[in-house]
Amino acid sequence: MSTQKTSYSILELALVSEGHSLKETYTNVLNLAQQAEQFGYKRYWLAEHHNSSNIGSSATSVLIGYVAEGTNTIRIGSGGIMLPNHSPLIIAEQFGTLASLYPNRIDLGLGRAPGTDRETAQAIRSDFMQAAQSFPLELEKIERYFSKNNAGAKVRATVAEGVDVPIYILGSSTDSAHLAAKKGLPYAFASHFATTYLNDALNIYRNEFRSSNTLQKPYVMVGVNIIIAETDEEAHQLATSLIRLIVGIFTGKRDLVQPPTTMTNDLKEIMQNPQVLQMLKYSFIGSKATVKAKVKSFIEQTKADELIAVTNIYDINDRIRSYQFFTEIMEELNLE
């Protein structure tokens, strides 16, 4: 029996489907956010990726502004800004501006990975590796720029000072768990693709957590892949697009999101590959009843405060329907 309600949110990569333009992709991003707001999702986060033809969320803060303008109440944020790619001053200015335009609705999720390949990371910022190793210091700069106490400094992000932008630490290994705990910040783990260290990272974060002005107790968000349809068979058919995306990651041949097909023996075999199995460990695919049982078990295992769902489906209407089913599941579980 769950006494604590689990919040539910969406992580959006602006995936580009075969036969769709970038403009159509961004229109669908906003459409989904508007639907998510109606369904009762807590937040809608946009990722940062570069040099991938199938991912449109490269200019993350620009997209956040676009989505925030087209919605009214749902929180919009970054899942995340890959801080070593950027100057902390510029990020503080961007998010300070966003939060002034859309008060009490903007989140700043920060990660230390590049969100791309080594060559592109180098093209974005020649001292990327140094910036990645300095992530805790870069985070402190961001916090300083948002503080009213920075008003007397020589270098200021004046549009950020005193503006309320909650900071979240993102992680896919155990490194960021230590940092989030030490800083007393909420922690979001990317278990929708990085499954190996989930339990270790959550244990570290909870055990080492120090209360702060931001948080009195740990706050955990965890990523899950969710594909829900009327039947298990239909959901697994929709998931063939995701399987092909994963094959593209492993082979280095990243293609646009392909339309779903029947679940062939070849695709079933790929799903049994140890690497793919590991990557999809927290992927819940099936009918509402099937997914509900898996999600319930996952919440009991992780004791997560919030699930952030990723739904990589070719067609926007199928995606919206899957997210609607997920809302129903979460509402039902929160009543149990």
C-alpha atoms as a PDB file:
ATOM      1  CA  MET A   1       0.000   0.000   0.000  1.00  0.00           C
ATOM      2  CA  SER A   2       1.406   3.385  -1.017  1.00  0.00           C
ATOM      3  CA  THR A   3       0.849   6.233   1.430  1.00  0.00           C
ATOM      4  CA  GLN A   4       2.898   8.710  -0.573  1.00  0.00           C
ATOM      5  CA  LYS A   5       1.759   9.845  -3.989  1.00  0.00           C
ATOM      6  CA  THR A   6       4.228   9.489  -6.822  1.00  0.00           C
ATOM      7  CA  SER A   7       4.400  12.416  -9.253  1.00  0.00           C
ATOM      8  CA  TYR A   8       4.723  11.758 -12.978  1.00  0.00           C
ATOM      9  CA  SER A   9       6.412  13.798 -15.695  1.00  0.00           C
ATOM     10  CA  ILE A  10       7.689  13.611 -19.274  1.00  0.00           C
ATOM     11  CA  LEU A  11      11.189  13.743 -20.744  1.00  0.00           C
ATOM     12  CA  GLU A  12      11.078  14.904 -24.367  1.00  0.00           C
ATOM     13  CA  LEU A  13      13.891  14.552 -26.933  1.00  0.00           C
ATOM     14  CA  ALA A  14      11.983  16.026 -29.889  1.00  0.00           C
ATOM     15  CA  LEU A  15      12.592  12.809 -31.820  1.00  0.00           C
ATOM     16  CA  VAL A  16      12.302  13.306 -35.563  1.00  0.00           C
ATOM     17  CA  SER A  17      10.154  10.665 -37.267  1.00  0.00           C
ATOM     18  CA  GLU A  18      10.623   9.503 -40.858  1.00  0.00           C
ATOM     19  CA  GLY A  19       8.586  11.711 -43.191  1.00  0.00           C
ATOM     20  CA  HIS A  20       8.313  14.581 -40.696  1.00  0.00           C
ATOM     21  CA  SER A  21      10.029  17.957 -40.920  1.00  0.00           C
ATOM     22  CA  LEU A  22      11.671  19.663 -37.957  1.00  0.00           C
ATOM     23  CA  LYS A  23       8.810  22.179 -37.932  1.00  0.00           C
ATOM     24  CA  GLU A  24       6.277  19.338 -37.643  1.00  0.00           C
ATOM     25  CA  THR A  25       8.416  17.760 -34.921  1.00  0.00           C
ATOM     26  CA  TYR A  26       8.432  20.959 -32.854  1.00  0.00           C
ATOM     27  CA  THR A  27       4.676  21.424 -33.385  1.00  0.00           C
ATOM     28  CA  ASN A  28       4.211  17.898 -32.016  1.00  0.00           C
ATOM     29  CA  VAL A  29       6.476  18.702 -29.042  1.00  0.00           C
ATOM     30  CA  LEU A  30       4.145  21.576 -28.110  1.00  0.00           C
ATOM     31  CA  ASN A  31       1.014  19.532 -28.841  1.00  0.00           C
ATOM     32  CA  LEU A  32       2.205  16.807 -26.478  1.00  0.00           C
ATOM     33  CA  ALA A  33       3.046  19.357 -23.772  1.00  0.00           C
ATOM     34  CA  GLN A  34      -0.441  20.844 -24.024  1.00  0.00           C
ATOM     35  CA  GLN A  35      -1.977  17.375 -23.708  1.00  0.00           C
ATOM     36  CA  ALA A  36       0.337  16.538 -20.780  1.00  0.00           C
ATOM     37  CA  GLU A  37      -0.855  19.678 -19.021  1.00  0.00           C
ATOM     38  CA  GLN A  38      -4.464  18.524 -19.444  1.00  0.00           C
ATOM     39  CA  PHE A  39      -3.595  15.014 -18.220  1.00  0.00           C
ATOM     40  CA  GLY A  40      -2.013  16.307 -15.006  1.00  0.00           C
ATOM     41  CA  TYR A  41       1.707  15.722 -15.603  1.00  0.00           C
ATOM     42  CA  LYS A  42       3.883  17.660 -13.165  1.00  0.00           C
ATOM     43  CA  ARG A  43       6.631  18.739 -15.545  1.00  0.00           C
ATOM     44  CA  TYR A  44       7.775  18.500 -19.142  1.00  0.00           C
ATOM     45  CA  TRP A  45      11.523  18.434 -19.568  1.00  0.00           C
ATOM     46  CA  LEU A  46      13.501  18.814 -22.778  1.00  0.00           C
ATOM     47  CA  ALA A  47      16.839  17.068 -23.264  1.00  0.00           C
ATOM     48  CA  GLU A  48      20.028  18.437 -24.818  1.00  0.00           C
ATOM     49  CA  HIS A  49      21.592  16.427 -27.650  1.00  0.00           C
ATOM     50  CA  HIS A  50      23.840  17.393 -30.544  1.00  0.00           C
ATOM     51  CA  ASN A  51      24.811  15.977 -33.935  1.00  0.00           C
ATOM     52  CA  SER A  52      21.952  13.441 -34.086  1.00  0.00           C
ATOM     53  CA  SER A  53      19.666  13.644 -37.108  1.00  0.00           C
ATOM     54  CA  ASN A  54      16.856  11.943 -35.166  1.00  0.00           C
ATOM     55  CA  ILE A  55      16.912  14.294 -32.147  1.00  0.00           C
ATOM     56  CA  GLY A  56      15.663  17.873 -32.434  1.00  0.00           C
ATOM     57  CA  SER A  57      16.305  19.101 -28.874  1.00  0.00           C
ATOM     58  CA  SER A  58      19.655  20.785 -29.527  1.00  0.00           C
ATOM     59  CA  ALA A  59      18.802  24.397 -28.620  1.00  0.00           C
ATOM     60  CA  THR A  60      17.188  23.327 -25.357  1.00  0.00           C
ATOM     61  CA  SER A  61      16.502  26.720 -23.773  1.00  0.00           C
ATOM     62  CA  VAL A  62      14.900  27.971 -27.019  1.00  0.00           C
ATOM     63  CA  LEU A  63      12.525  24.997 -27.059  1.00  0.00           C
ATOM     64  CA  ILE A  64      11.730  25.492 -23.363  1.00  0.00           C
ATOM     65  CA  GLY A  65      10.604  29.045 -24.139  1.00  0.00           C
ATOM     66  CA  TYR A  66       8.499  27.832 -27.083  1.00  0.00           C
ATOM     67  CA  VAL A  67       6.754  25.184 -24.968  1.00  0.00           C
ATOM     68  CA  ALA A  68       6.311  27.458 -21.945  1.00  0.00           C
ATOM     69  CA  GLU A  69       4.666  30.106 -24.155  1.00  0.00           C
ATOM     70  CA  GLY A  70       2.161  27.542 -25.473  1.00  0.00           C
ATOM     71  CA  THR A  71       1.214  26.123 -22.059  1.00  0.00           C
ATOM     72  CA  ASN A  72      -0.128  27.616 -18.831  1.00  0.00           C
ATOM     73  CA  THR A  73       0.550  25.608 -15.682  1.00  0.00           C
ATOM     74  CA  ILE A  74       2.829  22.612 -16.301  1.00  0.00           C
ATOM     75  CA  ARG A  75       6.459  23.089 -15.245  1.00  0.00           C
ATOM     76  CA  ILE A  76       8.881  23.241 -18.194  1.00  0.00           C
ATOM     77  CA  GLY A  77      12.587  22.573 -17.857  1.00  0.00           C
ATOM     78  CA  SER A  78      15.784  20.964 -18.996  1.00  0.00           C
ATOM     79  CA  GLY A  79      16.453  17.269 -18.672  1.00  0.00           C
ATOM     80  CA  GLY A  80      19.030  18.483 -18.849  1.00  0.00           C
ATOM     81  CA  ILE A  81      21.335  21.261 -19.800  1.00  0.00           C
ATOM     82  CA  MET A  82      24.732  19.582 -20.254  1.00  0.00           C
ATOM     83  CA  LEU A  83      26.632  22.173 -18.268  1.00  0.00           C
ATOM     84  CA  PRO A  84      30.186  21.477 -19.532  1.00  0.00           C
ATOM     85  CA  ASN A  85      28.946  22.545 -22.996  1.00  0.00           C
ATOM     86  CA  HIS A  86      28.096  26.015 -21.720  1.00  0.00           C
ATOM     87  CA  SER A  87      29.208  29.067 -19.818  1.00  0.00           C
ATOM     88  CA  PRO A  88      27.431  29.070 -16.421  1.00  0.00           C
ATOM     89  CA  LEU A  89      26.898  32.817 -16.843  1.00  0.00           C
ATOM     90  CA  ILE A  90      24.993  32.357 -20.124  1.00  0.00           C
ATOM     91  CA  ILE A  91      22.852  29.525 -18.703  1.00  0.00           C
ATOM     92  CA  ALA A  92      21.985  31.668 -15.665  1.00  0.00           C
ATOM     93  CA  GLU A  93      20.994  34.526 -17.977  1.00  0.00           C
ATOM     94  CA  GLN A  94      18.891  32.247 -20.204  1.00  0.00           C
ATOM     95  CA  PHE A  95      17.032  30.563 -17.351  1.00  0.00           C
ATOM     96  CA  GLY A  96      16.701  33.768 -15.349  1.00  0.00           C
ATOM     97  CA  THR A  97      15.027  35.299 -18.402  1.00  0.00           C
ATOM     98  CA  LEU A  98      12.768  32.266 -18.905  1.00  0.00           C
ATOM     99  CA  ALA A  99      11.712  32.293 -15.249  1.00  0.00           C
ATOM    100  CA  SER A 100      10.852  36.003 -15.403  1.00  0.00           C
ATOM    101  CA  LEU A 101       8.713  35.381 -18.484  1.00  0.00           C
ATOM    102  CA  TYR A 102       7.078  32.232 -17.033  1.00  0.00           C
ATOM    103  CA  PRO A 103       7.224  32.613 -13.212  1.00  0.00           C
ATOM    104  CA  ASN A 104       7.222  29.507 -10.982  1.00  0.00           C
ATOM    105  CA  ARG A 105       7.268  27.193 -13.997  1.00  0.00           C
ATOM    106  CA  ILE A 106      10.909  26.825 -15.075  1.00  0.00           C
ATOM    107  CA  ASP A 107      13.242  24.016 -13.870  1.00  0.00           C
ATOM    108  CA  LEU A 108      16.987  23.784 -14.488  1.00  0.00           C
ATOM    109  CA  GLY A 109      18.167  20.177 -14.663  1.00  0.00           C
ATOM    110  CA  LEU A 110      21.955  19.979 -15.026  1.00  0.00           C
ATOM    111  CA  GLY A 111      24.124  17.104 -16.245  1.00  0.00           C
ATOM    112  CA  ARG A 112      27.831  16.668 -16.874  1.00  0.00           C
ATOM    113  CA  ALA A 113      27.789  14.450 -19.997  1.00  0.00           C
ATOM    114  CA  PRO A 114      28.233  16.060 -23.426  1.00  0.00           C
ATOM    115  CA  GLY A 115      25.015  14.725 -24.954  1.00  0.00           C
ATOM    116  CA  THR A 116      26.958  13.899 -28.088  1.00  0.00           C
ATOM    117  CA  ASP A 117      30.123  12.274 -29.457  1.00  0.00           C
ATOM    118  CA  ARG A 118      33.666  13.275 -28.536  1.00  0.00           C
ATOM    119  CA  GLU A 119      34.343  15.235 -31.743  1.00  0.00           C
ATOM    120  CA  THR A 120      31.165  17.281 -31.402  1.00  0.00           C
ATOM    121  CA  ALA A 121      31.835  17.942 -27.714  1.00  0.00           C
ATOM    122  CA  GLN A 122      35.224  19.296 -28.764  1.00  0.00           C
ATOM    123  CA  ALA A 123      33.561  21.477 -31.414  1.00  0.00           C
ATOM    124  CA  ILE A 124      31.094  22.850 -28.855  1.00  0.00           C
ATOM    125  CA  ARG A 125      33.772  23.669 -26.300  1.00  0.00           C
ATOM    126  CA  SER A 126      37.480  22.978 -26.757  1.00  0.00           C
ATOM    127  CA  ASP A 127      38.026  22.626 -23.004  1.00  0.00           C
ATOM    128  CA  PHE A 128      35.059  20.265 -22.551  1.00  0.00           C
ATOM    129  CA  MET A 129      36.953  17.626 -20.526  1.00  0.00           C
ATOM    130  CA  GLN A 130      38.252  20.247 -18.117  1.00  0.00           C
ATOM    131  CA  ALA A 131      34.738  21.709 -17.733  1.00  0.00           C
ATOM    132  CA  ALA A 132      33.268  18.229 -17.115  1.00  0.00           C
ATOM    133  CA  GLN A 133      35.809  17.569 -14.345  1.00  0.00           C
ATOM    134  CA  SER A 134      34.962  20.989 -12.868  1.00  0.00           C
ATOM    135  CA  PHE A 135      31.216  20.252 -12.822  1.00  0.00           C
ATOM    136  CA  PRO A 136      30.829  20.917  -9.047  1.00  0.00           C
ATOM    137  CA  LEU A 137      32.571  24.294  -9.447  1.00  0.00           C
ATOM    138  CA  GLU A 138      30.519  25.148 -12.535  1.00  0.00           C
ATOM    139  CA  LEU A 139      27.376  24.312 -10.537  1.00  0.00           C
ATOM    140  CA  GLU A 140      28.490  26.669  -7.771  1.00  0.00           C
ATOM    141  CA  LYS A 141      28.896  29.454 -10.340  1.00  0.00           C
ATOM    142  CA  ILE A 142      25.301  28.921 -11.490  1.00  0.00           C
ATOM    143  CA  GLU A 143      24.062  29.055  -7.891  1.00  0.00           C
ATOM    144  CA  ARG A 144      26.053  32.215  -7.284  1.00  0.00           C
ATOM    145  CA  TYR A 145      24.627  33.944 -10.368  1.00  0.00           C
ATOM    146  CA  PHE A 146      21.076  33.185  -9.147  1.00  0.00           C
ATOM    147  CA  SER A 147      21.814  34.487  -5.652  1.00  0.00           C
ATOM    148  CA  LYS A 148      20.799  37.988  -4.538  1.00  0.00           C
ATOM    149  CA  ASN A 149      24.146  38.061  -2.731  1.00  0.00           C
ATOM    150  CA  ASN A 150      25.935  38.323  -6.081  1.00  0.00           C
ATOM    151  CA  ALA A 151      24.704  41.900  -6.562  1.00  0.00           C
ATOM    152  CA  GLY A 152      28.042  43.335  -5.463  1.00  0.00           C
ATOM    153  CA  ALA A 153      30.183  41.092  -7.686  1.00  0.00           C
ATOM    154  CA  LYS A 154      32.087  42.346 -10.721  1.00  0.00           C
ATOM    155  CA  VAL A 155      30.556  39.588 -12.894  1.00  0.00           C
ATOM    156  CA  ARG A 156      26.783  39.299 -12.592  1.00  0.00           C
ATOM    157  CA  ALA A 157      23.870  37.641 -14.336  1.00  0.00           C
ATOM    158  CA  THR A 158      21.563  40.490 -13.409  1.00  0.00           C
ATOM    159  CA  VAL A 159      18.465  38.890 -14.968  1.00  0.00           C
ATOM    160  CA  ALA A 160      18.957  35.810 -12.751  1.00  0.00           C
ATOM    161  CA  GLU A 161      19.593  37.375  -9.343  1.00  0.00           C
ATOM    162  CA  GLY A 162      16.868  36.408  -6.885  1.00  0.00           C
ATOM    163  CA  VAL A 163      14.849  34.616  -9.569  1.00  0.00           C
ATOM    164  CA  ASP A 164      13.342  31.281  -8.472  1.00  0.00           C
ATOM    165  CA  VAL A 165      14.700  28.498 -10.691  1.00  0.00           C
ATOM    166  CA  PRO A 166      14.938  25.115  -8.920  1.00  0.00           C
ATOM    167  CA  ILE A 167      18.120  23.206  -9.790  1.00  0.00           C
ATOM    168  CA  TYR A 168      18.106  19.420 -10.288  1.00  0.00           C
ATOM    169  CA  ILE A 169      21.198  17.225 -10.617  1.00  0.00           C
ATOM    170  CA  LEU A 170      21.005  14.601 -13.367  1.00  0.00           C
ATOM    171  CA  GLY A 171      23.005  11.400 -13.301  1.00  0.00           C
ATOM    172  CA  SER A 172      23.569   8.117 -15.119  1.00  0.00           C
ATOM    173  CA  SER A 173      26.253   6.711 -12.787  1.00  0.00           C
ATOM    174  CA  THR A 174      27.108   7.172  -9.110  1.00  0.00           C
ATOM    175  CA  ASP A 175      29.242  10.342  -9.453  1.00  0.00           C
ATOM    176  CA  SER A 176      26.391  12.838  -9.481  1.00  0.00           C
ATOM    177  CA  ALA A 177      24.615  11.037  -6.614  1.00  0.00           C
ATOM    178  CA  HIS A 178      27.404  12.115  -4.245  1.00  0.00           C
ATOM    179  CA  LEU A 179      27.203  15.699  -5.509  1.00  0.00           C
ATOM    180  CA  ALA A 180      23.391  15.962  -5.337  1.00  0.00           C
ATOM    181  CA  ALA A 181      23.469  14.572  -1.781  1.00  0.00           C
ATOM    182  CA  LYS A 182      26.227  16.931  -0.665  1.00  0.00           C
ATOM    183  CA  LYS A 183      24.437  19.975  -2.132  1.00  0.00           C
ATOM    184  CA  GLY A 184      21.016  18.949  -0.819  1.00  0.00           C
ATOM    185  CA  LEU A 185      19.509  19.135  -4.308  1.00  0.00           C
ATOM    186  CA  PRO A 186      16.891  16.918  -5.970  1.00  0.00           C
ATOM    187  CA  TYR A 187      18.352  14.050  -8.020  1.00  0.00           C
ATOM    188  CA  ALA A 188      17.138  12.651 -11.342  1.00  0.00           C
ATOM    189  CA  PHE A 189      18.574   9.337 -12.544  1.00  0.00           C
ATOM    190  CA  ALA A 190      18.554   8.419 -16.250  1.00  0.00           C
ATOM    191  CA  SER A 191      17.424   4.829 -15.755  1.00  0.00           C
ATOM    192  CA  HIS A 192      15.489   4.934 -19.037  1.00  0.00           C
ATOM    193  CA  PHE A 193      18.827   4.092 -20.701  1.00  0.00           C
ATOM    194  CA  ALA A 194      21.508   3.810 -17.973  1.00  0.00           C
ATOM    195  CA  THR A 195      20.154   1.011 -15.809  1.00  0.00           C
ATOM    196  CA  THR A 196      23.272  -0.513 -14.222  1.00  0.00           C
ATOM    197  CA  TYR A 197      23.852   1.864 -11.314  1.00  0.00           C
ATOM    198  CA  LEU A 198      20.288   2.884 -10.470  1.00  0.00           C
ATOM    199  CA  ASN A 199      20.053   1.201  -7.063  1.00  0.00           C
ATOM    200  CA  ASP A 200      23.628   2.092  -6.070  1.00  0.00           C
ATOM    201  CA  ALA A 201      23.117   5.741  -7.043  1.00  0.00           C
ATOM    202  CA  LEU A 202      19.839   6.050  -5.129  1.00  0.00           C
ATOM    203  CA  ASN A 203      21.366   4.450  -2.018  1.00  0.00           C
ATOM    204  CA  ILE A 204      24.348   6.830  -2.140  1.00  0.00           C
ATOM    205  CA  TYR A 205      22.101   9.851  -2.615  1.00  0.00           C
ATOM    206  CA  ARG A 206      19.748   8.945   0.219  1.00  0.00           C
ATOM    207  CA  ASN A 207      22.483   7.861   2.653  1.00  0.00           C
ATOM    208  CA  GLU A 208      24.703  10.902   2.079  1.00  0.00           C
ATOM    209  CA  PHE A 209      21.943  13.504   1.726  1.00  0.00           C
ATOM    210  CA  ARG A 210      22.402  16.742   3.657  1.00  0.00           C
ATOM    211  CA  SER A 211      19.410  19.020   4.075  1.00  0.00           C
ATOM    212  CA  SER A 212      19.676  22.453   2.481  1.00  0.00           C
ATOM    213  CA  ASN A 213      17.660  25.623   1.965  1.00  0.00           C
ATOM    214  CA  THR A 214      16.270  23.855  -1.112  1.00  0.00           C
ATOM    215  CA  LEU A 215      15.348  20.472   0.364  1.00  0.00           C
ATOM    216  CA  GLN A 216      14.828  19.058   3.840  1.00  0.00           C
ATOM    217  CA  LYS A 217      14.860  15.429   2.671  1.00  0.00           C
ATOM    218  CA  PRO A 218      15.980  13.555  -0.489  1.00  0.00           C
ATOM    219  CA  TYR A 219      13.898  13.909  -3.651  1.00  0.00           C
ATOM    220  CA  VAL A 220      14.350  11.219  -6.294  1.00  0.00           C
ATOM    221  CA  MET A 221      13.209  11.257  -9.913  1.00  0.00           C
ATOM    222  CA  VAL A 222      13.786   8.186 -12.099  1.00  0.00           C
ATOM    223  CA  GLY A 223      13.511   7.772 -15.867  1.00  0.00           C
ATOM    224  CA  VAL A 224      11.445   4.979 -17.410  1.00  0.00           C
ATOM    225  CA  ASN A 225      10.551   4.009 -20.974  1.00  0.00           C
ATOM    226  CA  ILE A 226       6.793   3.697 -21.311  1.00  0.00           C
ATOM    227  CA  ILE A 227       4.887   2.336 -24.323  1.00  0.00           C
ATOM    228  CA  ILE A 228       1.235   1.560 -23.656  1.00  0.00           C
ATOM    229  CA  ALA A 229      -1.493   0.571 -26.110  1.00  0.00           C
ATOM    230  CA  GLU A 230      -4.864  -1.208 -26.007  1.00  0.00           C
ATOM    231  CA  THR A 231      -3.193  -4.634 -26.128  1.00  0.00           C
ATOM    232  CA  ASP A 232       0.236  -6.105 -25.381  1.00  0.00           C
ATOM    233  CA  GLU A 233       0.570  -7.021 -29.041  1.00  0.00           C
ATOM    234  CA  GLU A 234      -0.127  -3.478 -30.255  1.00  0.00           C
ATOM    235  CA  ALA A 235       2.289  -2.001 -27.703  1.00  0.00           C
ATOM    236  CA  HIS A 236       5.065  -4.371 -28.793  1.00  0.00           C
ATOM    237  CA  GLN A 237       4.383  -3.397 -32.388  1.00  0.00           C
ATOM    238  CA  LEU A 238       4.756   0.290 -31.479  1.00  0.00           C
ATOM    239  CA  ALA A 239       8.001  -0.622 -29.666  1.00  0.00           C
ATOM    240  CA  THR A 240       9.617  -1.846 -32.896  1.00  0.00           C
ATOM    241  CA  SER A 241      10.460   1.813 -33.622  1.00  0.00           C
ATOM    242  CA  LEU A 242      12.325   2.017 -30.296  1.00  0.00           C
ATOM    243  CA  ILE A 243      14.221  -1.223 -30.976  1.00  0.00           C
ATOM    244  CA  ARG A 244      15.413   0.129 -34.309  1.00  0.00           C
ATOM    245  CA  LEU A 245      16.546   3.345 -32.583  1.00  0.00           C
ATOM    246  CA  ILE A 246      18.604   1.274 -30.145  1.00  0.00           C
ATOM    247  CA  VAL A 247      20.141  -0.754 -32.959  1.00  0.00           C
ATOM    248  CA  GLY A 248      21.144   2.576 -34.523  1.00  0.00           C
ATOM    249  CA  ILE A 249      22.849   3.628 -31.276  1.00  0.00           C
ATOM    250  CA  PHE A 250      24.855   0.394 -31.086  1.00  0.00           C
ATOM    251  CA  THR A 251      25.802   0.376 -34.784  1.00  0.00           C
ATOM    252  CA  GLY A 252      26.469   4.122 -35.068  1.00  0.00           C
ATOM    253  CA  LYS A 253      23.851   4.386 -37.846  1.00  0.00           C
ATOM    254  CA  ARG A 254      21.375   6.755 -36.256  1.00  0.00           C
ATOM    255  CA  ASP A 255      18.309   7.017 -38.450  1.00  0.00           C
ATOM    256  CA  LEU A 256      15.042   8.926 -38.161  1.00  0.00           C
ATOM    257  CA  VAL A 257      12.365   7.196 -36.084  1.00  0.00           C
ATOM    258  CA  GLN A 258      10.932   4.474 -38.310  1.00  0.00           C
ATOM    259  CA  PRO A 259       7.237   3.545 -38.567  1.00  0.00           C
ATOM    260  CA  PRO A 260       6.309   0.494 -36.473  1.00  0.00           C
ATOM    261  CA  THR A 261       6.198  -2.948 -38.059  1.00  0.00           C
ATOM    262  CA  THR A 262       5.136  -6.374 -36.915  1.00  0.00           C
ATOM    263  CA  MET A 263       7.449  -7.832 -34.263  1.00  0.00           C
ATOM    264  CA  THR A 264       9.647 -10.063 -36.410  1.00  0.00           C
ATOM    265  CA  ASN A 265      11.833 -12.921 -35.151  1.00  0.00           C
ATOM    266  CA  ASP A 266      14.877 -10.766 -35.953  1.00  0.00           C
ATOM    267  CA  LEU A 267      13.582  -7.968 -33.707  1.00  0.00           C
ATOM    268  CA  LYS A 268      12.720 -10.453 -30.937  1.00  0.00           C
ATOM    269  CA  GLU A 269      16.274 -11.750 -31.169  1.00  0.00           C
ATOM    270  CA  ILE A 270      17.679  -8.216 -30.896  1.00  0.00           C
ATOM    271  CA  MET A 271      15.568  -7.669 -27.770  1.00  0.00           C
ATOM    272  CA  GLN A 272      17.255 -10.706 -26.179  1.00  0.00           C
ATOM    273  CA  ASN A 273      20.736  -9.320 -26.806  1.00  0.00           C
ATOM    274  CA  PRO A 274      22.347  -8.815 -23.360  1.00  0.00           C
ATOM    275  CA  GLN A 275      23.263  -5.174 -24.050  1.00  0.00           C
ATOM    276  CA  VAL A 276      19.772  -4.362 -25.307  1.00  0.00           C
ATOM    277  CA  LEU A 277      18.168  -6.224 -22.404  1.00  0.00           C
ATOM    278  CA  GLN A 278      20.269  -4.213 -19.967  1.00  0.00           C
ATOM    279  CA  MET A 279      19.426  -0.916 -21.662  1.00  0.00           C
ATOM    280  CA  LEU A 280      15.692  -1.722 -21.697  1.00  0.00           C
ATOM    281  CA  LYS A 281      15.585  -3.077 -18.137  1.00  0.00           C
ATOM    282  CA  TYR A 282      13.261  -0.288 -17.011  1.00  0.00           C
ATOM    283  CA  SER A 283      11.138  -0.220 -20.152  1.00  0.00           C
ATOM    284  CA  PHE A 284       7.502  -1.030 -19.519  1.00  0.00           C
ATOM    285  CA  ILE A 285       5.716  -2.058 -22.701  1.00  0.00           C
ATOM    286  CA  GLY A 286       2.216  -3.491 -23.013  1.00  0.00           C
ATOM    287  CA  SER A 287      -1.437  -2.944 -22.258  1.00  0.00           C
ATOM    288  CA  LYS A 288      -2.491  -0.711 -19.382  1.00  0.00           C
ATOM    289  CA  ALA A 289      -2.884  -3.708 -17.053  1.00  0.00           C
ATOM    290  CA  THR A 290       0.532  -5.132 -17.989  1.00  0.00           C
ATOM    291  CA  VAL A 291       2.358  -1.829 -17.537  1.00  0.00           C
ATOM    292  CA  LYS A 292       0.512  -0.958 -14.335  1.00  0.00           C
ATOM    293  CA  ALA A 293       1.812  -4.094 -12.612  1.00  0.00           C
ATOM    294  CA  LYS A 294       5.383  -3.362 -13.738  1.00  0.00           C
ATOM    295  CA  VAL A 295       5.231   0.306 -12.721  1.00  0.00           C
ATOM    296  CA  LYS A 296       3.819  -0.584  -9.305  1.00  0.00           C
ATOM    297  CA  SER A 297       6.681  -3.021  -8.708  1.00  0.00           C
ATOM    298  CA  PHE A 298       9.237  -0.450  -9.902  1.00  0.00           C
ATOM    299  CA  ILE A 299       7.916   2.247  -7.542  1.00  0.00           C
ATOM    300  CA  GLU A 300       8.034  -0.213  -4.648  1.00  0.00           C
ATOM    301  CA  GLN A 301      11.626  -1.108  -5.582  1.00  0.00           C
ATOM    302  CA  THR A 302      12.948   2.452  -6.012  1.00  0.00           C
ATOM    303  CA  LYS A 303      10.593   4.372  -3.675  1.00  0.00           C
ATOM    304  CA  ALA A 304      10.861   7.145  -6.256  1.00  0.00           C
ATOM    305  CA  ASP A 305       9.171  10.465  -5.525  1.00  0.00           C
ATOM    306  CA  GLU A 306       8.604  11.008  -9.230  1.00  0.00           C
ATOM    307  CA  LEU A 307       8.712   9.022 -12.448  1.00  0.00           C
ATOM    308  CA  ILE A 308       9.787  10.811 -15.614  1.00  0.00           C
ATOM    309  CA  ALA A 309       8.558   8.917 -18.656  1.00  0.00           C
ATOM    310  CA  VAL A 310      10.140   8.659 -22.089  1.00  0.00           C
ATOM    311  CA  THR A 311       7.902   7.383 -24.871  1.00  0.00           C
ATOM    312  CA  ASN A 312       9.716   6.843 -28.153  1.00  0.00           C
ATOM    313  CA  ILE A 313       6.845   6.152 -30.553  1.00  0.00           C
ATOM    314  CA  TYR A 314       6.680   7.057 -34.251  1.00  0.00           C
ATOM    315  CA  ASP A 315       3.236   8.655 -34.387  1.00  0.00           C
ATOM    316  CA  ILE A 316       2.219  11.612 -32.202  1.00  0.00           C
ATOM    317  CA  ASN A 317      -1.328  10.314 -31.683  1.00  0.00           C
ATOM    318  CA  ASP A 318      -0.029   6.944 -30.459  1.00  0.00           C
ATOM    319  CA  ARG A 319       2.376   8.809 -28.155  1.00  0.00           C
ATOM    320  CA  ILE A 320      -0.379  10.964 -26.693  1.00  0.00           C
ATOM    321  CA  ARG A 321      -2.581   7.902 -26.160  1.00  0.00           C
ATOM    322  CA  SER A 322       0.288   6.097 -24.395  1.00  0.00           C
ATOM    323  CA  TYR A 323       0.841   9.087 -22.097  1.00  0.00           C
ATOM    324  CA  GLN A 324      -2.896   9.220 -21.362  1.00  0.00           C
ATOM    325  CA  PHE A 325      -2.837   5.551 -20.334  1.00  0.00           C
ATOM    326  CA  PHE A 326       0.199   6.284 -18.141  1.00  0.00           C
ATOM    327  CA  THR A 327      -1.720   9.103 -16.422  1.00  0.00           C
ATOM    328  CA  GLU A 328      -4.550   6.689 -15.659  1.00  0.00           C
ATOM    329  CA  ILE A 329      -2.068   4.157 -14.251  1.00  0.00           C
ATOM    330  CA  MET A 330      -0.393   6.730 -11.997  1.00  0.00           C
ATOM    331  CA  GLU A 331      -3.716   8.114 -10.766  1.00  0.00           C
ATOM    332  CA  GLU A 332      -4.912   4.596  -9.929  1.00  0.00           C
ATOM    333  CA  LEU A 333      -1.683   3.677  -8.156  1.00  0.00           C
ATOM    334  CA  ASN A 334      -1.772   6.901  -6.153  1.00  0.00           C
ATOM    335  CA  LEU A 335      -5.256   6.000  -4.903  1.00  0.00           C
ATOM    336  CA  GLU A 336      -4.213   2.529  -3.701  1.00  0.00           C
END
